[in-house]
Amino acid sequence: MASPAQTSSAATRPVPRPGVMDIHAYVPGKSGSGHAGKVHKLSSNETPLGPSPKAIAAYAQVGEALALYPEGSAGALREAIAGRYGLDPARIVCGAGSDELLSLLTAAYVGPGDEGVFTEHGFLVYRIAILAAGGTPVVAPERDLTADVDAILAAVTERTRIVFLANPNNPTGTYLPFEEVKRLHGALRPDILLVLDAAYAEYVRRNDYSSGLELVATSDNVVMTRTFSKIHGLANLRLGWLYAPAHVADAINRIRGPFNVSGPAMAAGAAAIADEEHVGRAIAHNETWLAWLAREIAALGLKVTPSVGNFLLVHFPGEAGRTARDADAFLTARGLILRRVDAYGLPGALRLTVGDEEANRLVVAALSDFLKGHNG
């Protein structure tokens, strides 16, 4: 076998380092359907209420300063986040979506020979980030589509440097109670970074749930990531934040881009997080329609995984003509775009975002027709 030096000298073009070509690029949900009428995009867990009007106004105001670089530390946004949650702004880092922050955390703490652990149906970006950093992804099996603390701990080795836990998890909508999260943390070595990805935290209405802020505040090896893409309706601006121990925040600030968050995103984010009334309306809408969709779809005879997010995982029979692939084609023909989740190891299911009332009722009616064998 040729040595790296021999391989390099023999190459006829630049060759990516080991691990890069093992990455399967992230494929987002569909945006279009070819349907001639109105299209309802229910594939990306976007809020049907849209962003706060105050966020839109703040975004527009920055349009007059597009020639200027943004403030490099996102100071005003970090102060707004800190004020909303009672945090130390020095321990907040903002990024171009929580995706960037997940990648930065991995780049800072994982290298060749290291391992990163995530659960069986966890967010696809975890695998991508670990491979991009030169590390080895390690998958812990789930139980009933829910993260299993004991399985995660069993997957940890002396090479483990980072553990990702999506809580709630996408695309299943399941979650771990805070006591289980604390049990996981308590059993990890102190040199392992536990990353709590709480992208859907605002939607959860369970008394035994916590996004992890308290654990971050009292630990040296826990980070919580959040996003403005979901309940705040700013997905198009790519904006996220994390709360971390001071030493972790310092490490991330050393490797992030100097202007990684745009001025319009910062302005809109600060206005959005301050508009608690708008967030409250989004929570109320989701509570009503998440329960309605789960009940109505189950009444059709389809299995629905109980969810605490703003989406549902809907499972389909496996027989010909009634598979998830068949359902996806049927719904798409009617202008209803759901998310295929084959890449998550769930080829028999579709993920359905809670939409507005019109979209929700259309989906249930279309699923009923699909199961009855109607043509699209």
Protein backbone atom coordinates (compact mmCIF):
# COMPACT_ATOMS: atom_id res chain seq x y z
CA MET A 1 0.00 0.00 0.00
CA ALA A 2 1.39 3.40 -0.95
CA SER A 3 2.33 5.87 1.75
CA PRO A 4 0.51 9.24 1.90
CA ALA A 5 3.60 10.89 0.42
CA GLN A 6 3.71 8.42 -2.47
CA THR A 7 -0.02 8.80 -3.07
CA SER A 8 0.30 12.57 -3.11
CA SER A 9 3.21 12.60 -5.56
CA ALA A 10 1.43 10.16 -7.86
CA ALA A 11 -1.87 12.04 -7.88
CA THR A 12 -2.80 13.91 -11.05
CA ARG A 13 -5.08 16.37 -9.27
CA PRO A 14 -5.70 17.60 -5.69
CA VAL A 15 -7.09 14.82 -3.51
CA PRO A 16 -9.36 15.52 -0.49
CA ARG A 17 -8.01 14.22 2.78
CA PRO A 18 -9.35 10.91 4.12
CA GLY A 19 -12.97 11.07 5.22
CA VAL A 20 -14.18 13.90 3.00
CA MET A 21 -15.40 11.68 0.18
CA ASP A 22 -17.17 9.45 2.70
CA ILE A 23 -19.58 12.31 3.37
CA HIS A 24 -23.03 12.11 1.83
CA ALA A 25 -23.95 15.73 1.20
CA TYR A 26 -27.00 16.96 3.10
CA VAL A 27 -30.08 17.02 0.90
CA PRO A 28 -32.81 19.42 2.08
CA GLY A 29 -36.51 18.82 1.70
CA LYS A 30 -38.21 19.54 -1.61
CA SER A 31 -39.41 23.07 -2.28
CA GLY A 32 -41.50 22.51 -5.42
CA SER A 33 -43.87 19.91 -6.79
CA GLY A 34 -44.78 20.75 -10.37
CA HIS A 35 -48.34 21.21 -9.12
CA ALA A 36 -50.16 23.92 -11.05
CA GLY A 37 -52.11 25.22 -8.06
CA LYS A 38 -51.11 26.41 -4.63
CA VAL A 39 -48.20 24.49 -3.07
CA HIS A 40 -47.93 23.86 0.67
CA LYS A 41 -44.32 23.25 1.69
CA LEU A 42 -44.43 21.04 4.78
CA SER A 43 -40.98 19.50 4.42
CA SER A 44 -38.62 21.76 6.39
CA ASN A 45 -40.31 22.43 9.75
CA GLU A 46 -40.79 26.11 8.98
CA THR A 47 -43.33 28.03 11.03
CA PRO A 48 -46.61 28.72 9.23
CA LEU A 49 -46.90 32.05 11.06
CA GLY A 50 -43.76 33.49 9.49
CA PRO A 51 -41.38 35.84 11.32
CA SER A 52 -42.32 38.56 13.76
CA PRO A 53 -43.34 41.79 12.00
CA LYS A 54 -40.82 43.49 14.27
CA ALA A 55 -38.08 41.23 12.88
CA ILE A 56 -39.09 42.08 9.32
CA ALA A 57 -38.95 45.80 10.11
CA ALA A 58 -35.54 45.48 11.77
CA TYR A 59 -34.24 43.50 8.79
CA ALA A 60 -35.47 46.11 6.31
CA GLN A 61 -33.87 48.95 8.24
CA VAL A 62 -30.41 47.43 7.84
CA GLY A 63 -30.81 47.59 4.06
CA GLU A 64 -29.38 51.10 4.11
CA ALA A 65 -26.07 49.79 5.47
CA LEU A 66 -25.38 46.82 3.21
CA ALA A 67 -22.01 48.27 2.13
CA LEU A 68 -20.70 48.06 5.69
CA TYR A 69 -19.29 45.03 7.48
CA PRO A 70 -21.42 43.76 10.37
CA GLU A 71 -20.25 44.04 13.95
CA GLY A 72 -17.92 41.06 14.27
CA SER A 73 -18.96 39.64 17.63
CA ALA A 74 -22.75 39.90 17.20
CA GLY A 75 -22.69 41.86 20.46
CA ALA A 76 -26.17 43.38 20.29
CA LEU A 77 -27.72 40.04 19.38
CA ARG A 78 -25.88 38.24 22.17
CA GLU A 79 -27.10 40.87 24.62
CA ALA A 80 -30.68 40.39 23.40
CA ILE A 81 -30.43 36.61 23.82
CA ALA A 82 -28.82 36.98 27.23
CA GLY A 83 -31.54 39.36 28.35
CA ARG A 84 -34.28 36.99 27.22
CA TYR A 85 -32.89 33.96 29.08
CA GLY A 86 -30.87 35.52 31.88
CA LEU A 87 -27.49 34.40 30.53
CA ASP A 88 -23.93 35.67 30.43
CA PRO A 89 -23.52 37.19 26.94
CA ALA A 90 -19.80 36.37 26.98
CA ARG A 91 -20.68 32.68 26.89
CA ILE A 92 -22.96 33.03 23.85
CA VAL A 93 -21.63 32.50 20.33
CA CYS A 94 -23.75 33.21 17.25
CA GLY A 95 -23.44 31.57 13.87
CA ALA A 96 -24.94 31.10 10.43
CA GLY A 97 -27.58 28.72 11.70
CA SER A 98 -26.96 26.14 14.40
CA ASP A 99 -25.54 23.97 11.59
CA GLU A 100 -22.42 26.15 11.45
CA LEU A 101 -22.04 26.03 15.21
CA LEU A 102 -22.31 22.23 15.27
CA SER A 103 -19.55 22.08 12.67
CA LEU A 104 -17.38 24.56 14.56
CA LEU A 105 -17.73 22.59 17.78
CA THR A 106 -16.71 19.43 15.99
CA ALA A 107 -13.79 21.10 14.25
CA ALA A 108 -12.53 22.42 17.57
CA TYR A 109 -12.70 19.15 19.52
CA VAL A 110 -12.50 16.28 17.01
CA GLY A 111 -9.57 15.25 14.83
CA PRO A 112 -8.20 12.19 13.05
CA GLY A 113 -8.48 9.12 15.25
CA ASP A 114 -11.18 10.68 17.42
CA GLU A 115 -14.79 9.54 17.58
CA GLY A 116 -18.10 11.37 17.79
CA VAL A 117 -21.28 9.69 19.00
CA PHE A 118 -24.87 10.40 17.95
CA THR A 119 -28.08 8.39 17.92
CA GLU A 120 -29.49 6.19 15.19
CA HIS A 121 -32.00 8.66 13.76
CA GLY A 122 -30.20 11.85 14.79
CA PHE A 123 -29.66 14.97 12.68
CA LEU A 124 -27.64 14.21 9.53
CA VAL A 125 -25.28 17.14 10.13
CA TYR A 126 -23.63 15.32 13.05
CA ARG A 127 -22.17 12.64 10.80
CA ILE A 128 -21.14 15.22 8.22
CA ALA A 129 -19.40 17.41 10.82
CA ILE A 130 -17.51 14.48 12.36
CA LEU A 131 -16.26 13.20 9.00
CA ALA A 132 -15.35 16.73 7.89
CA ALA A 133 -13.18 17.08 11.00
CA GLY A 134 -11.39 13.83 10.22
CA GLY A 135 -13.13 11.88 12.98
CA THR A 136 -15.06 8.63 13.02
CA PRO A 137 -18.87 8.67 13.43
CA VAL A 138 -20.26 6.20 15.97
CA VAL A 139 -24.01 5.51 15.96
CA ALA A 140 -25.86 4.52 19.13
CA PRO A 141 -29.10 2.56 18.58
CA GLU A 142 -32.37 4.10 19.69
CA ARG A 143 -35.28 2.48 21.51
CA ASP A 144 -38.75 3.12 20.11
CA LEU A 145 -37.32 5.94 17.96
CA THR A 146 -36.05 7.63 21.13
CA ALA A 147 -32.48 8.25 22.28
CA ASP A 148 -31.32 5.59 24.75
CA VAL A 149 -28.86 6.83 27.39
CA ASP A 150 -27.47 3.36 28.08
CA ALA A 151 -26.88 2.74 24.37
CA ILE A 152 -25.10 6.07 24.03
CA LEU A 153 -22.86 5.29 26.97
CA ALA A 154 -22.13 1.84 25.56
CA ALA A 155 -20.95 3.50 22.33
CA VAL A 156 -18.43 5.71 24.16
CA THR A 157 -14.79 4.62 23.96
CA GLU A 158 -11.46 6.07 24.97
CA ARG A 159 -11.43 7.81 21.58
CA THR A 160 -14.77 9.60 22.06
CA ARG A 161 -14.42 13.38 22.09
CA ILE A 162 -17.97 14.60 21.45
CA VAL A 163 -21.53 13.32 21.95
CA PHE A 164 -24.46 14.90 20.11
CA LEU A 165 -27.98 14.68 21.48
CA ALA A 166 -30.84 16.24 19.53
CA ASN A 167 -33.48 16.96 22.15
CA PRO A 168 -36.18 16.97 20.82
CA ASN A 169 -34.94 14.84 17.96
CA ASN A 170 -35.52 15.56 14.30
CA PRO A 171 -37.12 13.75 12.44
CA THR A 172 -38.79 11.58 15.10
CA GLY A 173 -40.11 14.32 17.41
CA THR A 174 -39.20 12.29 20.51
CA TYR A 175 -37.27 13.63 23.50
CA LEU A 176 -35.39 12.69 26.65
CA PRO A 177 -36.58 14.00 30.03
CA PHE A 178 -34.05 16.25 31.77
CA GLU A 179 -33.30 13.61 34.41
CA GLU A 180 -32.13 11.27 31.65
CA VAL A 181 -30.00 14.02 30.11
CA LYS A 182 -28.38 14.61 33.50
CA ARG A 183 -27.80 10.87 33.86
CA LEU A 184 -26.06 10.83 30.50
CA HIS A 185 -23.89 13.78 31.42
CA GLY A 186 -23.01 12.36 34.81
CA ALA A 187 -21.69 9.16 33.24
CA LEU A 188 -19.51 10.82 30.59
CA ARG A 189 -15.82 11.52 31.10
CA PRO A 190 -15.13 15.19 31.82
CA ASP A 191 -13.06 15.52 28.62
CA ILE A 192 -16.04 14.55 26.40
CA LEU A 193 -18.09 17.46 25.09
CA LEU A 194 -21.85 16.88 25.35
CA VAL A 195 -23.72 18.94 22.75
CA LEU A 196 -27.44 19.41 23.38
CA ASP A 197 -29.08 20.41 20.12
CA ALA A 198 -32.29 22.14 21.23
CA ALA A 199 -33.51 23.51 17.89
CA TYR A 200 -37.15 22.76 18.77
CA ALA A 201 -37.02 23.58 22.48
CA GLU A 202 -39.54 26.41 22.32
CA TYR A 203 -42.27 24.06 21.10
CA VAL A 204 -41.97 21.52 23.94
CA ARG A 205 -44.79 21.64 26.49
CA ARG A 206 -43.63 18.85 28.83
CA ASN A 207 -42.84 19.54 32.48
CA ASP A 208 -39.95 17.06 32.52
CA TYR A 209 -38.13 18.72 29.63
CA SER A 210 -35.25 21.22 29.71
CA SER A 211 -33.24 22.68 26.85
CA GLY A 212 -30.10 22.26 28.93
CA LEU A 213 -29.29 25.84 29.91
CA GLU A 214 -29.02 24.88 33.59
CA LEU A 215 -26.63 22.05 32.80
CA VAL A 216 -24.41 24.34 30.73
CA ALA A 217 -24.34 26.89 33.53
CA THR A 218 -23.05 24.34 36.03
CA SER A 219 -20.74 22.20 33.84
CA ASP A 220 -17.45 22.49 32.01
CA ASN A 221 -18.29 20.07 29.20
CA VAL A 222 -21.86 20.83 28.06
CA VAL A 223 -22.96 23.08 25.20
CA MET A 224 -26.51 23.90 24.12
CA THR A 225 -27.28 25.02 20.56
CA ARG A 226 -30.42 26.85 19.40
CA THR A 227 -31.75 28.24 16.14
CA PHE A 228 -33.80 31.15 14.84
CA SER A 229 -34.92 29.03 11.87
CA LYS A 230 -37.88 27.31 13.50
CA ILE A 231 -40.23 29.12 15.87
CA HIS A 232 -38.74 32.54 15.07
CA GLY A 233 -39.27 32.08 11.33
CA LEU A 234 -35.85 33.33 10.18
CA ALA A 235 -34.63 30.24 8.31
CA ASN A 236 -33.75 32.27 5.21
CA LEU A 237 -31.32 34.42 7.21
CA ARG A 238 -29.33 31.46 8.62
CA LEU A 239 -28.99 32.35 12.30
CA GLY A 240 -28.25 30.26 15.38
CA TRP A 241 -26.60 30.55 18.77
CA LEU A 242 -24.98 28.45 21.43
CA TYR A 243 -24.42 28.75 25.15
CA ALA A 244 -21.22 27.21 26.43
CA PRO A 245 -18.65 27.24 29.21
CA ALA A 246 -16.32 30.23 28.82
CA HIS A 247 -13.41 28.07 27.64
CA VAL A 248 -15.52 26.46 24.92
CA ALA A 249 -16.86 29.82 23.74
CA ASP A 250 -13.27 31.07 23.58
CA ALA A 251 -12.23 28.11 21.41
CA ILE A 252 -15.13 28.57 19.00
CA ASN A 253 -14.51 32.31 18.69
CA ARG A 254 -10.92 31.55 17.64
CA ILE A 255 -11.98 29.48 14.63
CA ARG A 256 -15.27 31.00 13.48
CA GLY A 257 -15.25 33.47 10.63
CA PRO A 258 -14.76 37.09 11.73
CA PHE A 259 -18.08 38.18 10.19
CA ASN A 260 -19.98 34.89 10.22
CA VAL A 261 -23.34 36.52 11.02
CA SER A 262 -24.76 39.18 8.71
CA GLY A 263 -26.05 42.53 9.94
CA PRO A 264 -29.61 41.90 8.71
CA ALA A 265 -29.65 38.54 10.49
CA MET A 266 -28.43 40.07 13.74
CA ALA A 267 -31.00 42.86 13.62
CA ALA A 268 -33.88 40.52 12.79
CA GLY A 269 -32.77 38.02 15.43
CA ALA A 270 -32.62 40.60 18.21
CA ALA A 271 -36.11 41.84 17.33
CA ALA A 272 -37.50 38.31 17.00
CA ILE A 273 -36.29 37.06 20.36
CA ALA A 274 -37.76 40.10 22.07
CA ASP A 275 -41.21 39.57 20.51
CA GLU A 276 -42.55 37.07 23.03
CA GLU A 277 -46.13 37.71 21.93
CA HIS A 278 -45.37 36.43 18.42
CA VAL A 279 -43.61 33.37 19.84
CA GLY A 280 -46.62 32.74 22.08
CA ARG A 281 -48.93 32.72 19.07
CA ALA A 282 -46.66 30.21 17.32
CA ILE A 283 -46.67 27.95 20.39
CA ALA A 284 -50.46 28.10 20.68
CA HIS A 285 -50.95 27.36 16.98
CA ASN A 286 -48.62 24.38 17.19
CA GLU A 287 -50.27 22.97 20.32
CA THR A 288 -53.65 23.01 18.62
CA TRP A 289 -52.70 21.62 15.24
CA LEU A 290 -50.00 19.14 16.29
CA ALA A 291 -52.58 17.36 18.44
CA TRP A 292 -55.24 17.62 15.72
CA LEU A 293 -52.99 16.20 13.03
CA ALA A 294 -51.81 13.34 15.23
CA ARG A 295 -55.39 12.43 16.11
CA GLU A 296 -56.81 12.71 12.59
CA ILE A 297 -53.99 10.84 10.89
CA ALA A 298 -54.09 8.05 13.48
CA ALA A 299 -57.84 7.79 12.87
CA LEU A 300 -57.03 6.97 9.23
CA GLY A 301 -55.13 3.91 10.45
CA LEU A 302 -51.61 5.28 10.06
CA LYS A 303 -49.08 5.07 12.87
CA VAL A 304 -47.85 8.44 14.12
CA THR A 305 -44.83 8.78 16.41
CA PRO A 306 -45.76 11.03 19.37
CA SER A 307 -43.97 14.36 18.85
CA VAL A 308 -43.12 17.36 21.01
CA GLY A 309 -41.86 19.43 18.08
CA ASN A 310 -43.64 21.18 15.23
CA PHE A 311 -43.72 18.09 13.03
CA LEU A 312 -44.93 14.51 12.97
CA LEU A 313 -43.36 11.29 11.72
CA VAL A 314 -46.06 9.38 9.82
CA HIS A 315 -45.50 5.68 9.08
CA PHE A 316 -46.98 3.90 6.07
CA PRO A 317 -47.86 0.28 5.29
CA GLY A 318 -45.22 -1.56 3.32
CA GLU A 319 -47.41 -3.19 0.70
CA ALA A 320 -47.27 -2.11 -2.92
CA GLY A 321 -49.12 1.10 -3.64
CA ARG A 322 -49.22 2.16 0.01
CA THR A 323 -45.57 2.84 0.80
CA ALA A 324 -44.07 6.12 1.97
CA ARG A 325 -42.68 6.62 -1.52
CA ASP A 326 -46.15 6.13 -3.01
CA ALA A 327 -47.67 8.52 -0.49
CA ASP A 328 -45.01 11.13 -1.22
CA ALA A 329 -45.76 11.00 -4.95
CA PHE A 330 -49.51 11.17 -4.32
CA LEU A 331 -49.24 14.15 -1.97
CA THR A 332 -46.74 15.97 -4.18
CA ALA A 333 -49.16 15.73 -7.10
CA ARG A 334 -51.64 17.62 -4.93
CA GLY A 335 -49.17 20.34 -4.04
CA LEU A 336 -48.42 18.97 -0.56
CA ILE A 337 -44.67 18.67 0.01
CA LEU A 338 -43.59 16.41 2.88
CA ARG A 339 -40.09 15.17 3.78
CA ARG A 340 -38.74 11.80 2.76
CA VAL A 341 -36.56 10.48 5.60
CA ASP A 342 -34.81 7.53 3.94
CA ALA A 343 -31.45 9.14 4.76
CA TYR A 344 -32.36 8.91 8.45
CA GLY A 345 -32.93 5.18 8.19
CA LEU A 346 -36.71 5.60 8.04
CA PRO A 347 -37.74 4.68 4.48
CA GLY A 348 -41.24 3.72 5.60
CA ALA A 349 -42.15 7.17 6.93
CA LEU A 350 -42.68 10.79 5.93
CA ARG A 351 -42.12 13.81 8.12
CA LEU A 352 -44.97 16.31 8.15
CA THR A 353 -44.49 19.88 9.35
CA VAL A 354 -47.44 21.46 11.15
CA GLY A 355 -48.76 24.00 8.67
CA ASP A 356 -51.53 26.53 8.63
CA GLU A 357 -55.15 25.38 8.96
CA GLU A 358 -55.65 25.06 5.21
CA ALA A 359 -52.55 22.91 4.72
CA ASN A 360 -53.29 20.70 7.72
CA ARG A 361 -56.82 19.93 6.58
CA LEU A 362 -55.68 19.30 3.01
CA VAL A 363 -53.03 16.83 4.16
CA VAL A 364 -55.50 14.78 6.18
CA ALA A 365 -57.99 14.75 3.30
CA ALA A 366 -55.27 13.75 0.83
CA LEU A 367 -54.01 10.95 3.08
CA SER A 368 -57.56 9.66 3.38
CA ASP A 369 -57.89 9.59 -0.40
CA PHE A 370 -54.49 7.93 -0.75
CA LEU A 371 -55.41 5.12 1.62
CA LYS A 372 -58.72 4.63 -0.22
CA GLY A 373 -56.82 4.17 -3.47
CA HIS A 374 -58.00 7.35 -5.18
CA ASN A 375 -55.99 8.72 -8.05
CA GLY A 376 -53.96 11.89 -7.39
